[in-house]
PDB file of N, CA and C in Angstrom:
ATOM      1  N   UNK A   1      24.660  22.467  42.672  1.00  0.00           N
ATOM      2  CA  UNK A   1      24.914  23.888  43.503  1.00  0.00           C
ATOM      3  C   UNK A   1      26.026  24.171  43.916  1.00  0.00           C
ATOM      4  N   UNK A   2      27.018  23.186  43.944  1.00  0.00           N
ATOM      5  CA  UNK A   2      28.401  23.724  44.655  1.00  0.00           C
ATOM      6  C   UNK A   2      28.569  24.634  43.030  1.00  0.00           C
ATOM      7  N   UNK A   3      28.577  24.729  42.465  1.00  0.00           N
ATOM      8  CA  UNK A   3      29.725  24.503  40.828  1.00  0.00           C
ATOM      9  C   UNK A   3      28.627  26.517  40.552  1.00  0.00           C
ATOM     10  N   UNK A   4      27.466  25.776  40.786  1.00  0.00           N
ATOM     11  CA  UNK A   4      26.634  27.380  40.388  1.00  0.00           C
ATOM     12  C   UNK A   4      27.188  28.304  41.358  1.00  0.00           C
ATOM     13  N   UNK A   5      27.516  28.053  42.141  1.00  0.00           N
ATOM     14  CA  UNK A   5      27.848  28.599  43.158  1.00  0.00           C
ATOM     15  C   UNK A   5      29.638  29.813  43.227  1.00  0.00           C
ATOM     16  N   UNK A   6      30.096  28.384  42.787  1.00  0.00           N
ATOM     17  CA  UNK A   6      31.544  28.746  42.602  1.00  0.00           C
ATOM     18  C   UNK A   6      31.235  30.024  40.882  1.00  0.00           C
ATOM     19  N   UNK A   7      30.597  29.275  40.305  1.00  0.00           N
ATOM     20  CA  UNK A   7      30.286  30.522  38.774  1.00  0.00           C
ATOM     21  C   UNK A   7      30.047  31.769  39.069  1.00  0.00           C
ATOM     22  N   UNK A   8      29.451  31.904  39.899  1.00  0.00           N
ATOM     23  CA  UNK A   8      29.027  32.968  40.354  1.00  0.00           C
ATOM     24  C   UNK A   8      29.761  33.935  41.139  1.00  0.00           C
ATOM     25  N   UNK A   9      30.826  33.060  42.286  1.00  0.00           N
ATOM     26  CA  UNK A   9      31.670  33.577  42.630  1.00  0.00           C
ATOM     27  C   UNK A   9      32.328  34.305  41.727  1.00  0.00           C
ATOM     28  N   UNK A  10      33.637  33.514  41.186  1.00  0.00           N
ATOM     29  CA  UNK A  10      34.157  33.828  39.639  1.00  0.00           C
ATOM     30  C   UNK A  10      33.414  35.175  38.907  1.00  0.00           C
ATOM     31  N   UNK A  11      32.766  34.651  38.042  1.00  0.00           N
ATOM     32  CA  UNK A  11      31.572  36.105  37.428  1.00  0.00           C
ATOM     33  C   UNK A  11      31.735  37.274  38.496  1.00  0.00           C
ATOM     34  N   UNK A  12      31.202  37.229  40.044  1.00  0.00           N
ATOM     35  CA  UNK A  12      31.552  38.353  41.019  1.00  0.00           C
ATOM     36  C   UNK A  12      32.818  39.412  40.850  1.00  0.00           C
ATOM     37  N   UNK A  13      33.487  39.009  40.379  1.00  0.00           N
ATOM     38  CA  UNK A  13      34.822  38.907  40.565  1.00  0.00           C
ATOM     39  C   UNK A  13      35.266  39.666  38.729  1.00  0.00           C
ATOM     40  N   UNK A  14      34.848  39.866  38.134  1.00  0.00           N
ATOM     41  CA  UNK A  14      35.579  40.511  36.704  1.00  0.00           C
ATOM     42  C   UNK A  14      34.553  41.203  36.242  1.00  0.00           C
ATOM     43  N   UNK A  15      36.393  41.836  35.651  1.00  0.00           N
ATOM     44  CA  UNK A  15      35.169  42.579  35.029  1.00  0.00           C
ATOM     45  C   UNK A  15      34.030  42.992  34.250  1.00  0.00           C
ATOM     46  N   UNK A  16      33.732  43.241  33.334  1.00  0.00           N
ATOM     47  CA  UNK A  16      32.978  43.349  32.893  1.00  0.00           C
ATOM     48  C   UNK A  16      33.097  43.522  30.815  1.00  0.00           C
ATOM     49  N   UNK A  17      34.026  43.479  30.289  1.00  0.00           N
ATOM     50  CA  UNK A  17      34.703  42.978  29.460  1.00  0.00           C
ATOM     51  C   UNK A  17      35.537  41.278  29.648  1.00  0.00           C
ATOM     52  N   UNK A  18      36.055  40.865  30.811  1.00  0.00           N
ATOM     53  CA  UNK A  18      36.554  40.231  31.166  1.00  0.00           C
ATOM     54  C   UNK A  18      36.765  38.742  30.690  1.00  0.00           C
ATOM     55  N   UNK A  19      37.472  38.198  30.414  1.00  0.00           N
ATOM     56  CA  UNK A  19      37.341  36.258  29.310  1.00  0.00           C
ATOM     57  C   UNK A  19      37.875  34.729  30.747  1.00  0.00           C
ATOM     58  N   UNK A  20      37.225  34.604  30.618  1.00  0.00           N
ATOM     59  CA  UNK A  20      37.738  33.747  31.347  1.00  0.00           C
ATOM     60  C   UNK A  20      38.269  32.243  30.463  1.00  0.00           C
ATOM     61  N   UNK A  21      38.609  31.120  30.935  1.00  0.00           N
ATOM     62  CA  UNK A  21      39.105  30.023  30.127  1.00  0.00           C
ATOM     63  C   UNK A  21      39.927  29.014  30.617  1.00  0.00           C
ATOM     64  N   UNK A  22      38.940  27.619  30.388  1.00  0.00           N
ATOM     65  CA  UNK A  22      39.101  27.024  31.267  1.00  0.00           C
ATOM     66  C   UNK A  22      39.101  26.004  30.532  1.00  0.00           C
ATOM     67  N   UNK A  23      40.067  25.289  30.883  1.00  0.00           N
ATOM     68  CA  UNK A  23      40.606  24.319  30.934  1.00  0.00           C
ATOM     69  C   UNK A  23      40.312  22.533  31.065  1.00  0.00           C
ATOM     70  N   UNK A  24      40.292  21.651  30.144  1.00  0.00           N
ATOM     71  CA  UNK A  24      40.399  20.928  30.728  1.00  0.00           C
ATOM     72  C   UNK A  24      41.497  19.405  30.634  1.00  0.00           C
ATOM     73  N   UNK A  25      41.015  18.060  32.336  1.00  0.00           N
ATOM     74  CA  UNK A  25      41.857  17.594  31.584  1.00  0.00           C
ATOM     75  C   UNK A  25      42.087  17.136  30.095  1.00  0.00           C
ATOM     76  N   UNK A  26      43.886  16.459  30.696  1.00  0.00           N
ATOM     77  CA  UNK A  26      44.053  15.964  29.399  1.00  0.00           C
ATOM     78  C   UNK A  26      44.204  14.101  28.860  1.00  0.00           C
ATOM     79  N   UNK A  27      44.773  13.923  27.925  1.00  0.00           N
ATOM     80  CA  UNK A  27      44.486  12.211  28.736  1.00  0.00           C
ATOM     81  C   UNK A  27      45.000  11.875  29.174  1.00  0.00           C
ATOM     82  N   UNK A  28      44.665  10.693  30.056  1.00  0.00           N
ATOM     83  CA  UNK A  28      44.587   9.295  30.998  1.00  0.00           C
ATOM     84  C   UNK A  28      44.705   8.217  30.654  1.00  0.00           C
ATOM     85  N   UNK A  29      45.506   8.001  31.963  1.00  0.00           N
ATOM     86  CA  UNK A  29      46.239   5.743  30.806  1.00  0.00           C
ATOM     87  C   UNK A  29      44.980   5.153  31.336  1.00  0.00           C
ATOM     88  N   UNK A  30      43.991   4.604  30.736  1.00  0.00           N
ATOM     89  CA  UNK A  30      43.640   3.618  30.789  1.00  0.00           C
ATOM     90  C   UNK A  30      44.159   1.847  31.544  1.00  0.00           C
ATOM     91  N   UNK A  31      45.408   1.402  30.679  1.00  0.00           N
ATOM     92  CA  UNK A  31      46.103   0.574  31.708  1.00  0.00           C
ATOM     93  C   UNK A  31      47.690   1.705  31.212  1.00  0.00           C
ATOM     94  N   UNK A  32      48.922   0.113  31.840  1.00  0.00           N
ATOM     95  CA  UNK A  32      50.319   0.907  31.290  1.00  0.00           C
ATOM     96  C   UNK A  32      50.295   1.298  29.711  1.00  0.00           C
ATOM     97  N   UNK A  33      49.574   0.538  29.060  1.00  0.00           N
ATOM     98  CA  UNK A  33      49.760   1.269  27.328  1.00  0.00           C
ATOM     99  C   UNK A  33      48.638   1.436  26.455  1.00  0.00           C
ATOM    100  N   UNK A  34      47.776   2.246  27.280  1.00  0.00           N
ATOM    101  CA  UNK A  34      46.886   2.394  26.430  1.00  0.00           C
ATOM    102  C   UNK A  34      46.119   3.876  27.305  1.00  0.00           C
ATOM    103  N   UNK A  35      45.771   5.191  26.388  1.00  0.00           N
ATOM    104  CA  UNK A  35      45.805   6.670  26.831  1.00  0.00           C
ATOM    105  C   UNK A  35      43.972   6.590  26.143  1.00  0.00           C
ATOM    106  N   UNK A  36      42.838   7.128  26.794  1.00  0.00           N
ATOM    107  CA  UNK A  36      41.826   7.397  26.767  1.00  0.00           C
ATOM    108  C   UNK A  36      41.667   8.741  27.259  1.00  0.00           C
ATOM    109  N   UNK A  37      41.040   9.870  26.040  1.00  0.00           N
ATOM    110  CA  UNK A  37      41.119  11.691  26.199  1.00  0.00           C
ATOM    111  C   UNK A  37      39.651  11.423  27.399  1.00  0.00           C
ATOM    112  N   UNK A  38      40.390  12.644  28.342  1.00  0.00           N
ATOM    113  CA  UNK A  38      39.000  13.448  28.893  1.00  0.00           C
ATOM    114  C   UNK A  38      38.288  13.950  28.605  1.00  0.00           C
ATOM    115  N   UNK A  39      36.687  13.579  28.702  1.00  0.00           N
ATOM    116  CA  UNK A  39      35.431  13.648  27.588  1.00  0.00           C
ATOM    117  C   UNK A  39      35.138  14.640  29.464  1.00  0.00           C
ATOM    118  N   UNK A  40      34.545  15.850  29.215  1.00  0.00           N
ATOM    119  CA  UNK A  40      34.091  15.910  30.136  1.00  0.00           C
ATOM    120  C   UNK A  40      33.475  16.977  30.776  1.00  0.00           C
ATOM    121  N   UNK A  41      32.127  16.006  29.168  1.00  0.00           N
ATOM    122  CA  UNK A  41      30.737  16.381  28.441  1.00  0.00           C
ATOM    123  C   UNK A  41      29.807  14.530  28.960  1.00  0.00           C
ATOM    124  N   UNK A  42      30.776  13.555  29.132  1.00  0.00           N
ATOM    125  CA  UNK A  42      30.361  12.136  29.316  1.00  0.00           C
ATOM    126  C   UNK A  42      30.047  11.680  30.464  1.00  0.00           C
TER     127      UNK A  42
END
């Protein structure tokens, strides 16, 4: 519910033809020598 409210609030502040670009996080360290990609949908 929190995300829906935030999305509605953001959309209410935009003009009709506005574009929003939302980036996700970058690679994160798994341990001191291994990275893993951030997957927002997992």
